[in-house]
């Protein structure tokens, strides 16, 4: 019974990870949280998934510290990326709308 439970968790976690990878190109925040959720399910039974999650937590903590120290630079980067995205969208709209 324990082997069946283990494989059920592995299959469910893998299915959620694959689903997250498939839906990641779709606009919206669905892909990354879905992949992380699948990794959390896999981490219940798979050591490699647990190690990946721990590494991601450390990287996220380091990123938060870096962002806190470089807040103005970070806000400037986000502003430039968002403005570039909007300008590119306007360009595509004018080019293909006729």
PDB file of N, CA and C in Angstrom:
ATOM      1  N   UNK A   1       0.825  -1.195   0.000  1.00  0.00           N
ATOM      2  CA  UNK A   1       0.000   0.000   0.000  1.00  0.00           C
ATOM      3  C   UNK A   1       0.866   1.254   0.000  1.00  0.00           C
ATOM      4  N   UNK A   2       2.007   1.188   0.729  1.00  0.00           N
ATOM      5  CA  UNK A   2       2.896   2.332   0.791  1.00  0.00           C
ATOM      6  C   UNK A   2       3.511   2.633  -0.573  1.00  0.00           C
ATOM      7  N   UNK A   3       3.817   1.593  -1.338  1.00  0.00           N
ATOM      8  CA  UNK A   3       4.365   1.765  -2.672  1.00  0.00           C
ATOM      9  C   UNK A   3       3.341   2.415  -3.602  1.00  0.00           C
ATOM     10  N   UNK A   4       2.089   2.034  -3.470  1.00  0.00           N
ATOM     11  CA  UNK A   4       1.022   2.628  -4.286  1.00  0.00           C
ATOM     12  C   UNK A   4       0.883   4.116  -3.955  1.00  0.00           C
ATOM     13  N   UNK A   5       0.920   4.460  -2.668  1.00  0.00           N
ATOM     14  CA  UNK A   5       0.819   5.860  -2.251  1.00  0.00           C
ATOM     15  C   UNK A   5       1.986   6.666  -2.803  1.00  0.00           C
ATOM     16  N   UNK A   6       3.189   6.099  -2.708  1.00  0.00           N
ATOM     17  CA  UNK A   6       4.384   6.790  -3.200  1.00  0.00           C
ATOM     18  C   UNK A   6       4.263   7.080  -4.693  1.00  0.00           C
ATOM     19  N   UNK A   7       3.876   6.074  -5.478  1.00  0.00           N
ATOM     20  CA  UNK A   7       3.754   6.276  -6.919  1.00  0.00           C
ATOM     21  C   UNK A   7       2.606   7.214  -7.275  1.00  0.00           C
ATOM     22  N   UNK A   8       1.535   7.189  -6.508  1.00  0.00           N
ATOM     23  CA  UNK A   8       0.430   8.118  -6.744  1.00  0.00           C
ATOM     24  C   UNK A   8       0.887   9.556  -6.541  1.00  0.00           C
ATOM     25  N   UNK A   9       1.692   9.794  -5.499  1.00  0.00           N
ATOM     26  CA  UNK A   9       2.206  11.141  -5.246  1.00  0.00           C
ATOM     27  C   UNK A   9       3.162  11.562  -6.354  1.00  0.00           C
ATOM     28  N   UNK A  10       4.028  10.665  -6.781  1.00  0.00           N
ATOM     29  CA  UNK A  10       4.977  10.978  -7.856  1.00  0.00           C
ATOM     30  C   UNK A  10       4.245  11.292  -9.153  1.00  0.00           C
ATOM     31  N   UNK A  11       3.267  10.490  -9.508  1.00  0.00           N
ATOM     32  CA  UNK A  11       2.514  10.719 -10.749  1.00  0.00           C
ATOM     33  C   UNK A  11       1.724  12.022 -10.669  1.00  0.00           C
ATOM     34  N   UNK A  12       1.090  12.285  -9.527  1.00  0.00           N
ATOM     35  CA  UNK A  12       0.319  13.528  -9.380  1.00  0.00           C
ATOM     36  C   UNK A  12       1.235  14.742  -9.450  1.00  0.00           C
ATOM     37  N   UNK A  13       2.372  14.699  -8.766  1.00  0.00           N
ATOM     38  CA  UNK A  13       3.318  15.813  -8.802  1.00  0.00           C
ATOM     39  C   UNK A  13       3.876  16.055 -10.189  1.00  0.00           C
ATOM     40  N   UNK A  14       4.228  14.968 -10.876  1.00  0.00           N
ATOM     41  CA  UNK A  14       4.748  15.102 -12.239  1.00  0.00           C
ATOM     42  C   UNK A  14       3.686  15.674 -13.168  1.00  0.00           C
ATOM     43  N   UNK A  15       2.443  15.256 -13.002  1.00  0.00           N
ATOM     44  CA  UNK A  15       1.364  15.779 -13.843  1.00  0.00           C
ATOM     45  C   UNK A  15       1.164  17.272 -13.617  1.00  0.00           C
ATOM     46  N   UNK A  16       1.254  17.702 -12.366  1.00  0.00           N
ATOM     47  CA  UNK A  16       1.094  19.131 -12.080  1.00  0.00           C
ATOM     48  C   UNK A  16       2.269  19.923 -12.658  1.00  0.00           C
ATOM     49  N   UNK A  17       3.496  19.410 -12.550  1.00  0.00           N
ATOM     50  CA  UNK A  17       4.663  20.089 -13.126  1.00  0.00           C
ATOM     51  C   UNK A  17       4.519  20.192 -14.638  1.00  0.00           C
ATOM     52  N   UNK A  18       4.152  19.110 -15.298  1.00  0.00           N
ATOM     53  CA  UNK A  18       3.986  19.125 -16.761  1.00  0.00           C
ATOM     54  C   UNK A  18       2.874  20.089 -17.161  1.00  0.00           C
ATOM     55  N   UNK A  19       1.779  20.111 -16.404  1.00  0.00           N
ATOM     56  CA  UNK A  19       0.699  21.054 -16.686  1.00  0.00           C
ATOM     57  C   UNK A  19       1.195  22.484 -16.562  1.00  0.00           C
ATOM     58  N   UNK A  20       1.984  22.774 -15.538  1.00  0.00           N
ATOM     59  CA  UNK A  20       2.538  24.115 -15.370  1.00  0.00           C
ATOM     60  C   UNK A  20       3.449  24.513 -16.506  1.00  0.00           C
ATOM     61  N   UNK A  21       4.245  23.574 -16.990  1.00  0.00           N
ATOM     62  CA  UNK A  21       5.129  23.864 -18.129  1.00  0.00           C
ATOM     63  C   UNK A  21       4.307  24.123 -19.382  1.00  0.00           C
ATOM     64  N   UNK A  22       3.248  23.362 -19.571  1.00  0.00           N
ATOM     65  CA  UNK A  22       2.402  23.546 -20.759  1.00  0.00           C
ATOM     66  C   UNK A  22       1.688  24.885 -20.726  1.00  0.00           C
ATOM     67  N   UNK A  23       1.174  25.296 -19.551  1.00  0.00           N
ATOM     68  CA  UNK A  23       0.406  26.540 -19.499  1.00  0.00           C
ATOM     69  C   UNK A  23       1.273  27.777 -19.278  1.00  0.00           C
ATOM     70  N   UNK A  24       2.572  27.628 -19.112  1.00  0.00           N
ATOM     71  CA  UNK A  24       3.413  28.793 -18.855  1.00  0.00           C
ATOM     72  C   UNK A  24       3.444  29.811 -19.998  1.00  0.00           C
ATOM     73  N   UNK A  25       3.313  29.433 -21.276  1.00  0.00           N
ATOM     74  CA  UNK A  25       3.283  30.480 -22.317  1.00  0.00           C
ATOM     75  C   UNK A  25       1.982  31.292 -22.333  1.00  0.00           C
ATOM     76  N   UNK A  26       0.943  30.792 -21.686  1.00  0.00           N
ATOM     77  CA  UNK A  26      -0.332  31.506 -21.676  1.00  0.00           C
ATOM     78  C   UNK A  26      -0.188  32.731 -20.781  1.00  0.00           C
ATOM     79  N   UNK A  27      -0.694  33.893 -21.208  1.00  0.00           N
ATOM     80  CA  UNK A  27      -0.583  35.086 -20.372  1.00  0.00           C
ATOM     81  C   UNK A  27      -1.230  34.882 -19.004  1.00  0.00           C
ATOM     82  N   UNK A  28      -0.587  35.418 -18.009  1.00  0.00           N
ATOM     83  CA  UNK A  28      -1.074  35.281 -16.643  1.00  0.00           C
ATOM     84  C   UNK A  28      -0.060  34.557 -15.794  1.00  0.00           C
ATOM     85  N   UNK A  29      -0.280  34.531 -14.504  1.00  0.00           N
ATOM     86  CA  UNK A  29       0.710  33.958 -13.594  1.00  0.00           C
ATOM     87  C   UNK A  29       0.535  32.467 -13.331  1.00  0.00           C
ATOM     88  N   UNK A  30      -0.105  31.734 -14.200  1.00  0.00           N
ATOM     89  CA  UNK A  30      -0.435  30.343 -13.903  1.00  0.00           C
ATOM     90  C   UNK A  30       0.705  29.363 -13.966  1.00  0.00           C
ATOM     91  N   UNK A  31       1.687  29.575 -14.823  1.00  0.00           N
ATOM     92  CA  UNK A  31       2.724  28.567 -15.044  1.00  0.00           C
ATOM     93  C   UNK A  31       3.660  28.352 -13.881  1.00  0.00           C
ATOM     94  N   UNK A  32       4.273  29.409 -13.389  1.00  0.00           N
ATOM     95  CA  UNK A  32       5.274  29.275 -12.334  1.00  0.00           C
ATOM     96  C   UNK A  32       4.669  28.742 -11.037  1.00  0.00           C
ATOM     97  N   UNK A  33       3.534  29.299 -10.562  1.00  0.00           N
ATOM     98  CA  UNK A  33       2.961  28.720  -9.340  1.00  0.00           C
ATOM     99  C   UNK A  33       2.542  27.252  -9.496  1.00  0.00           C
ATOM    100  N   UNK A  34       2.098  26.887 -10.676  1.00  0.00           N
ATOM    101  CA  UNK A  34       1.704  25.501 -10.907  1.00  0.00           C
ATOM    102  C   UNK A  34       2.915  24.580 -10.857  1.00  0.00           C
ATOM    103  N   UNK A  35       4.008  24.987 -11.478  1.00  0.00           N
ATOM    104  CA  UNK A  35       5.234  24.183 -11.428  1.00  0.00           C
ATOM    105  C   UNK A  35       5.736  24.072  -9.992  1.00  0.00           C
ATOM    106  N   UNK A  36       5.712  25.186  -9.257  1.00  0.00           N
ATOM    107  CA  UNK A  36       6.149  25.140  -7.864  1.00  0.00           C
ATOM    108  C   UNK A  36       5.243  24.235  -7.027  1.00  0.00           C
ATOM    109  N   UNK A  37       3.951  24.281  -7.296  1.00  0.00           N
ATOM    110  CA  UNK A  37       3.028  23.384  -6.589  1.00  0.00           C
ATOM    111  C   UNK A  37       3.334  21.927  -6.886  1.00  0.00           C
ATOM    112  N   UNK A  38       3.624  21.626  -8.147  1.00  0.00           N
ATOM    113  CA  UNK A  38       3.993  20.262  -8.509  1.00  0.00           C
ATOM    114  C   UNK A  38       5.283  19.824  -7.844  1.00  0.00           C
ATOM    115  N   UNK A  39       6.254  20.750  -7.753  1.00  0.00           N
ATOM    116  CA  UNK A  39       7.493  20.423  -7.045  1.00  0.00           C
ATOM    117  C   UNK A  39       7.236  20.163  -5.566  1.00  0.00           C
ATOM    118  N   UNK A  40       6.300  20.918  -4.979  1.00  0.00           N
ATOM    119  CA  UNK A  40       5.970  20.683  -3.571  1.00  0.00           C
ATOM    120  C   UNK A  40       5.355  19.306  -3.377  1.00  0.00           C
ATOM    121  N   UNK A  41       4.510  18.900  -4.315  1.00  0.00           N
ATOM    122  CA  UNK A  41       3.924  17.557  -4.228  1.00  0.00           C
ATOM    123  C   UNK A  41       5.008  16.499  -4.392  1.00  0.00           C
ATOM    124  N   UNK A  42       5.883  16.705  -5.381  1.00  0.00           N
ATOM    125  CA  UNK A  42       6.967  15.744  -5.603  1.00  0.00           C
ATOM    126  C   UNK A  42       7.928  15.687  -4.422  1.00  0.00           C
ATOM    127  N   UNK A  43       8.125  16.818  -3.742  1.00  0.00           N
ATOM    128  CA  UNK A  43       9.070  16.863  -2.624  1.00  0.00           C
ATOM    129  C   UNK A  43       8.632  15.980  -1.458  1.00  0.00           C
ATOM    130  N   UNK A  44       7.370  15.585  -1.441  1.00  0.00           N
ATOM    131  CA  UNK A  44       6.916  14.673  -0.393  1.00  0.00           C
ATOM    132  C   UNK A  44       7.604  13.321  -0.495  1.00  0.00           C
ATOM    133  N   UNK A  45       7.960  12.919  -1.706  1.00  0.00           N
ATOM    134  CA  UNK A  45       8.529  11.579  -1.907  1.00  0.00           C
ATOM    135  C   UNK A  45       9.863  11.560  -2.643  1.00  0.00           C
ATOM    136  N   UNK A  46      10.233  12.640  -3.337  1.00  0.00           N
ATOM    137  CA  UNK A  46      11.430  12.625  -4.179  1.00  0.00           C
ATOM    138  C   UNK A  46      12.471  13.592  -3.600  1.00  0.00           C
ATOM    139  N   UNK A  47      13.643  13.088  -3.287  1.00  0.00           N
ATOM    140  CA  UNK A  47      14.696  13.888  -2.674  1.00  0.00           C
ATOM    141  C   UNK A  47      15.172  14.995  -3.604  1.00  0.00           C
ATOM    142  N   UNK A  48      15.287  14.725  -4.900  1.00  0.00           N
ATOM    143  CA  UNK A  48      15.747  15.734  -5.849  1.00  0.00           C
ATOM    144  C   UNK A  48      14.802  16.931  -5.877  1.00  0.00           C
ATOM    145  N   UNK A  49      13.517  16.686  -5.863  1.00  0.00           N
ATOM    146  CA  UNK A  49      12.549  17.786  -5.848  1.00  0.00           C
ATOM    147  C   UNK A  49      12.683  18.597  -4.565  1.00  0.00           C
ATOM    148  N   UNK A  50      12.922  17.932  -3.447  1.00  0.00           N
ATOM    149  CA  UNK A  50      13.118  18.626  -2.168  1.00  0.00           C
ATOM    150  C   UNK A  50      14.350  19.513  -2.230  1.00  0.00           C
ATOM    151  N   UNK A  51      15.446  19.014  -2.835  1.00  0.00           N
ATOM    152  CA  UNK A  51      16.666  19.803  -2.972  1.00  0.00           C
ATOM    153  C   UNK A  51      16.442  21.005  -3.882  1.00  0.00           C
ATOM    154  N   UNK A  52      15.697  20.823  -4.972  1.00  0.00           N
ATOM    155  CA  UNK A  52      15.398  21.939  -5.881  1.00  0.00           C
ATOM    156  C   UNK A  52      14.594  23.011  -5.161  1.00  0.00           C
ATOM    157  N   UNK A  53      13.597  22.608  -4.380  1.00  0.00           N
ATOM    158  CA  UNK A  53      12.803  23.580  -3.625  1.00  0.00           C
ATOM    159  C   UNK A  53      13.650  24.338  -2.615  1.00  0.00           C
ATOM    160  N   UNK A  54      14.542  23.659  -1.921  1.00  0.00           N
ATOM    161  CA  UNK A  54      15.409  24.338  -0.964  1.00  0.00           C
ATOM    162  C   UNK A  54      16.334  25.331  -1.660  1.00  0.00           C
ATOM    163  N   UNK A  55      16.856  24.947  -2.822  1.00  0.00           N
ATOM    164  CA  UNK A  55      17.711  25.852  -3.597  1.00  0.00           C
ATOM    165  C   UNK A  55      16.912  27.073  -4.049  1.00  0.00           C
ATOM    166  N   UNK A  56      15.682  26.869  -4.512  1.00  0.00           N
ATOM    167  CA  UNK A  56      14.848  27.993  -4.926  1.00  0.00           C
ATOM    168  C   UNK A  56      14.523  28.917  -3.754  1.00  0.00           C
ATOM    169  N   UNK A  57      14.300  28.361  -2.581  1.00  0.00           N
ATOM    170  CA  UNK A  57      14.055  29.197  -1.398  1.00  0.00           C
ATOM    171  C   UNK A  57      15.272  30.049  -1.073  1.00  0.00           C
ATOM    172  N   UNK A  58      16.458  29.455  -1.129  1.00  0.00           N
ATOM    173  CA  UNK A  58      17.680  30.229  -0.866  1.00  0.00           C
ATOM    174  C   UNK A  58      17.863  31.322  -1.907  1.00  0.00           C
ATOM    175  N   UNK A  59      17.642  30.987  -3.179  1.00  0.00           N
ATOM    176  CA  UNK A  59      17.766  31.999  -4.234  1.00  0.00           C
ATOM    177  C   UNK A  59      16.755  33.125  -4.056  1.00  0.00           C
ATOM    178  N   UNK A  60      15.537  32.776  -3.684  1.00  0.00           N
ATOM    179  CA  UNK A  60      14.512  33.796  -3.464  1.00  0.00           C
ATOM    180  C   UNK A  60      14.886  34.697  -2.295  1.00  0.00           C
ATOM    181  N   UNK A  61      15.416  34.117  -1.222  1.00  0.00           N
ATOM    182  CA  UNK A  61      15.857  34.925  -0.086  1.00  0.00           C
ATOM    183  C   UNK A  61      16.984  35.871  -0.478  1.00  0.00           C
ATOM    184  N   UNK A  62      17.947  35.368  -1.248  1.00  0.00           N
ATOM    185  CA  UNK A  62      19.044  36.213  -1.716  1.00  0.00           C
ATOM    186  C   UNK A  62      18.526  37.317  -2.638  1.00  0.00           C
ATOM    187  N   UNK A  63      17.566  36.989  -3.488  1.00  0.00           N
ATOM    188  CA  UNK A  63      16.990  37.986  -4.383  1.00  0.00           C
ATOM    189  C   UNK A  63      16.278  39.076  -3.594  1.00  0.00           C
ATOM    190  N   UNK A  64      15.532  38.682  -2.544  1.00  0.00           N
ATOM    191  CA  UNK A  64      14.826  39.677  -1.724  1.00  0.00           C
ATOM    192  C   UNK A  64      15.811  40.612  -1.032  1.00  0.00           C
ATOM    193  N   UNK A  65      16.917  40.075  -0.515  1.00  0.00           N
ATOM    194  CA  UNK A  65      17.930  40.932   0.099  1.00  0.00           C
ATOM    195  C   UNK A  65      18.538  41.879  -0.922  1.00  0.00           C
ATOM    196  N   UNK A  66      18.860  41.364  -2.103  1.00  0.00           N
ATOM    197  CA  UNK A  66      19.431  42.197  -3.159  1.00  0.00           C
ATOM    198  C   UNK A  66      18.454  43.286  -3.564  1.00  0.00           C
ATOM    199  N   UNK A  67      17.181  42.897  -3.712  1.00  0.00           N
ATOM    200  CA  UNK A  67      16.164  43.869  -4.118  1.00  0.00           C
ATOM    201  C   UNK A  67      15.999  44.957  -3.064  1.00  0.00           C
ATOM    202  N   UNK A  68      16.052  44.590  -1.797  1.00  0.00           N
ATOM    203  CA  UNK A  68      15.916  45.573  -0.726  1.00  0.00           C
ATOM    204  C   UNK A  68      17.078  46.565  -0.746  1.00  0.00           C
ATOM    205  N   UNK A  69      18.283  46.077  -1.030  1.00  0.00           N
ATOM    206  CA  UNK A  69      19.460  46.962  -1.070  1.00  0.00           C
ATOM    207  C   UNK A  69      19.462  47.851  -2.314  1.00  0.00           C
ATOM    208  N   UNK A  70      18.889  47.356  -3.405  1.00  0.00           N
ATOM    209  CA  UNK A  70      18.915  48.079  -4.683  1.00  0.00           C
ATOM    210  C   UNK A  70      17.502  48.457  -5.125  1.00  0.00           C
ATOM    211  N   UNK A  71      16.713  48.955  -4.197  1.00  0.00           N
ATOM    212  CA  UNK A  71      15.303  49.190  -4.494  1.00  0.00           C
ATOM    213  C   UNK A  71      15.106  50.195  -5.630  1.00  0.00           C
ATOM    214  N   UNK A  72      15.841  51.301  -5.632  1.00  0.00           N
ATOM    215  CA  UNK A  72      15.658  52.311  -6.673  1.00  0.00           C
ATOM    216  C   UNK A  72      16.036  51.750  -8.040  1.00  0.00           C
ATOM    217  N   UNK A  73      17.151  51.034  -8.103  1.00  0.00           N
ATOM    218  CA  UNK A  73      17.572  50.434  -9.363  1.00  0.00           C
ATOM    219  C   UNK A  73      16.534  49.426  -9.839  1.00  0.00           C
ATOM    220  N   UNK A  74      16.004  48.636  -8.908  1.00  0.00           N
ATOM    221  CA  UNK A  74      15.001  47.620  -9.239  1.00  0.00           C
ATOM    222  C   UNK A  74      13.734  48.270  -9.775  1.00  0.00           C
ATOM    223  N   UNK A  75      13.263  49.332  -9.133  1.00  0.00           N
ATOM    224  CA  UNK A  75      12.065  50.027  -9.613  1.00  0.00           C
ATOM    225  C   UNK A  75      12.300  50.630 -10.995  1.00  0.00           C
ATOM    226  N   UNK A  76      13.491  51.159 -11.225  1.00  0.00           N
ATOM    227  CA  UNK A  76      13.823  51.691 -12.545  1.00  0.00           C
ATOM    228  C   UNK A  76      13.799  50.608 -13.608  1.00  0.00           C
ATOM    229  N   UNK A  77      14.337  49.444 -13.282  1.00  0.00           N
ATOM    230  CA  UNK A  77      14.332  48.330 -14.237  1.00  0.00           C
ATOM    231  C   UNK A  77      12.910  47.889 -14.557  1.00  0.00           C
ATOM    232  N   UNK A  78      12.077  47.755 -13.540  1.00  0.00           N
ATOM    233  CA  UNK A  78      10.679  47.366 -13.770  1.00  0.00           C
ATOM    234  C   UNK A  78       9.977  48.413 -14.615  1.00  0.00           C
ATOM    235  N   UNK A  79      10.215  49.694 -14.340  1.00  0.00           N
ATOM    236  CA  UNK A  79       9.603  50.773 -15.116  1.00  0.00           C
ATOM    237  C   UNK A  79      10.018  50.687 -16.586  1.00  0.00           C
ATOM    238  N   UNK A  80      11.302  50.471 -16.845  1.00  0.00           N
ATOM    239  CA  UNK A  80      11.788  50.386 -18.227  1.00  0.00           C
ATOM    240  C   UNK A  80      11.186  49.175 -18.936  1.00  0.00           C
ATOM    241  N   UNK A  81      11.121  48.047 -18.263  1.00  0.00           N
ATOM    242  CA  UNK A  81      10.559  46.839 -18.881  1.00  0.00           C
ATOM    243  C   UNK A  81       9.077  47.033 -19.201  1.00  0.00           C
ATOM    244  N   UNK A  82       8.321  47.601 -18.265  1.00  0.00           N
ATOM    245  CA  UNK A  82       6.893  47.812 -18.499  1.00  0.00           C
ATOM    246  C   UNK A  82       6.676  48.816 -19.635  1.00  0.00           C
ATOM    247  N   UNK A  83       7.425  49.910 -19.639  1.00  0.00           N
ATOM    248  CA  UNK A  83       7.284  50.894 -20.717  1.00  0.00           C
ATOM    249  C   UNK A  83       7.657  50.293 -22.068  1.00  0.00           C
ATOM    250  N   UNK A  84       8.713  49.491 -22.105  1.00  0.00           N
ATOM    251  CA  UNK A  84       9.111  48.835 -23.355  1.00  0.00           C
ATOM    252  C   UNK A  84       8.021  47.898 -23.847  1.00  0.00           C
ATOM    253  N   UNK A  85       7.418  47.178 -22.927  1.00  0.00           N
ATOM    254  CA  UNK A  85       6.339  46.263 -23.283  1.00  0.00           C
ATOM    255  C   UNK A  85       5.155  47.025 -23.871  1.00  0.00           C
ATOM    256  N   UNK A  86       4.801  48.138 -23.256  1.00  0.00           N
ATOM    257  CA  UNK A  86       3.679  48.951 -23.748  1.00  0.00           C
ATOM    258  C   UNK A  86       4.003  49.538 -25.116  1.00  0.00           C
ATOM    259  N   UNK A  87       5.201  50.077 -25.277  1.00  0.00           N
ATOM    260  CA  UNK A  87       5.597  50.672 -26.566  1.00  0.00           C
ATOM    261  C   UNK A  87       5.618  49.599 -27.654  1.00  0.00           C
ATOM    262  N   UNK A  88       6.135  48.419 -27.339  1.00  0.00           N
ATOM    263  CA  UNK A  88       6.154  47.329 -28.310  1.00  0.00           C
ATOM    264  C   UNK A  88       4.730  46.912 -28.691  1.00  0.00           C
ATOM    265  N   UNK A  89       3.835  46.865 -27.696  1.00  0.00           N
ATOM    266  CA  UNK A  89       2.439  46.535 -27.979  1.00  0.00           C
ATOM    267  C   UNK A  89       1.780  47.561 -28.878  1.00  0.00           C
ATOM    268  N   UNK A  90       2.039  48.846 -28.633  1.00  0.00           N
ATOM    269  CA  UNK A  90       1.499  49.904 -29.488  1.00  0.00           C
ATOM    270  C   UNK A  90       2.055  49.774 -30.899  1.00  0.00           C
ATOM    271  N   UNK A  91       3.358  49.501 -31.009  1.00  0.00           N
ATOM    272  CA  UNK A  91       3.983  49.323 -32.323  1.00  0.00           C
ATOM    273  C   UNK A  91       3.323  48.166 -33.083  1.00  0.00           C
ATOM    274  N   UNK A  92       3.147  47.030 -32.409  1.00  0.00           N
ATOM    275  CA  UNK A  92       2.502  45.890 -33.075  1.00  0.00           C
ATOM    276  C   UNK A  92       1.064  46.187 -33.467  1.00  0.00           C
ATOM    277  N   UNK A  93       0.354  46.898 -32.604  1.00  0.00           N
ATOM    278  CA  UNK A  93      -1.032  47.259 -32.900  1.00  0.00           C
ATOM    279  C   UNK A  93      -1.109  48.139 -34.138  1.00  0.00           C
ATOM    280  N   UNK A  94      -0.235  49.155 -34.223  1.00  0.00           N
ATOM    281  CA  UNK A  94      -0.259  50.053 -35.393  1.00  0.00           C
ATOM    282  C   UNK A  94       0.207  49.334 -36.651  1.00  0.00           C
ATOM    283  N   UNK A  95       1.152  48.434 -36.519  1.00  0.00           N
ATOM    284  CA  UNK A  95       1.670  47.732 -37.688  1.00  0.00           C
ATOM    285  C   UNK A  95       0.650  46.760 -38.282  1.00  0.00           C
ATOM    286  N   UNK A  96      -0.082  46.064 -37.429  1.00  0.00           N
ATOM    287  CA  UNK A  96      -0.969  45.019 -37.915  1.00  0.00           C
ATOM    288  C   UNK A  96      -2.455  45.411 -37.938  1.00  0.00           C
ATOM    289  N   UNK A  97      -2.793  46.589 -37.440  1.00  0.00           N
ATOM    290  CA  UNK A  97      -4.208  46.962 -37.445  1.00  0.00           C
ATOM    291  C   UNK A  97      -4.631  47.615 -38.755  1.00  0.00           C
ATOM    292  N   UNK A  98      -3.678  47.954 -39.547  1.00  0.00           N
ATOM    293  CA  UNK A  98      -4.030  48.474 -40.869  1.00  0.00           C
ATOM    294  C   UNK A  98      -3.978  49.909 -40.906  1.00  0.00           C
TER     295      UNK A  98
END
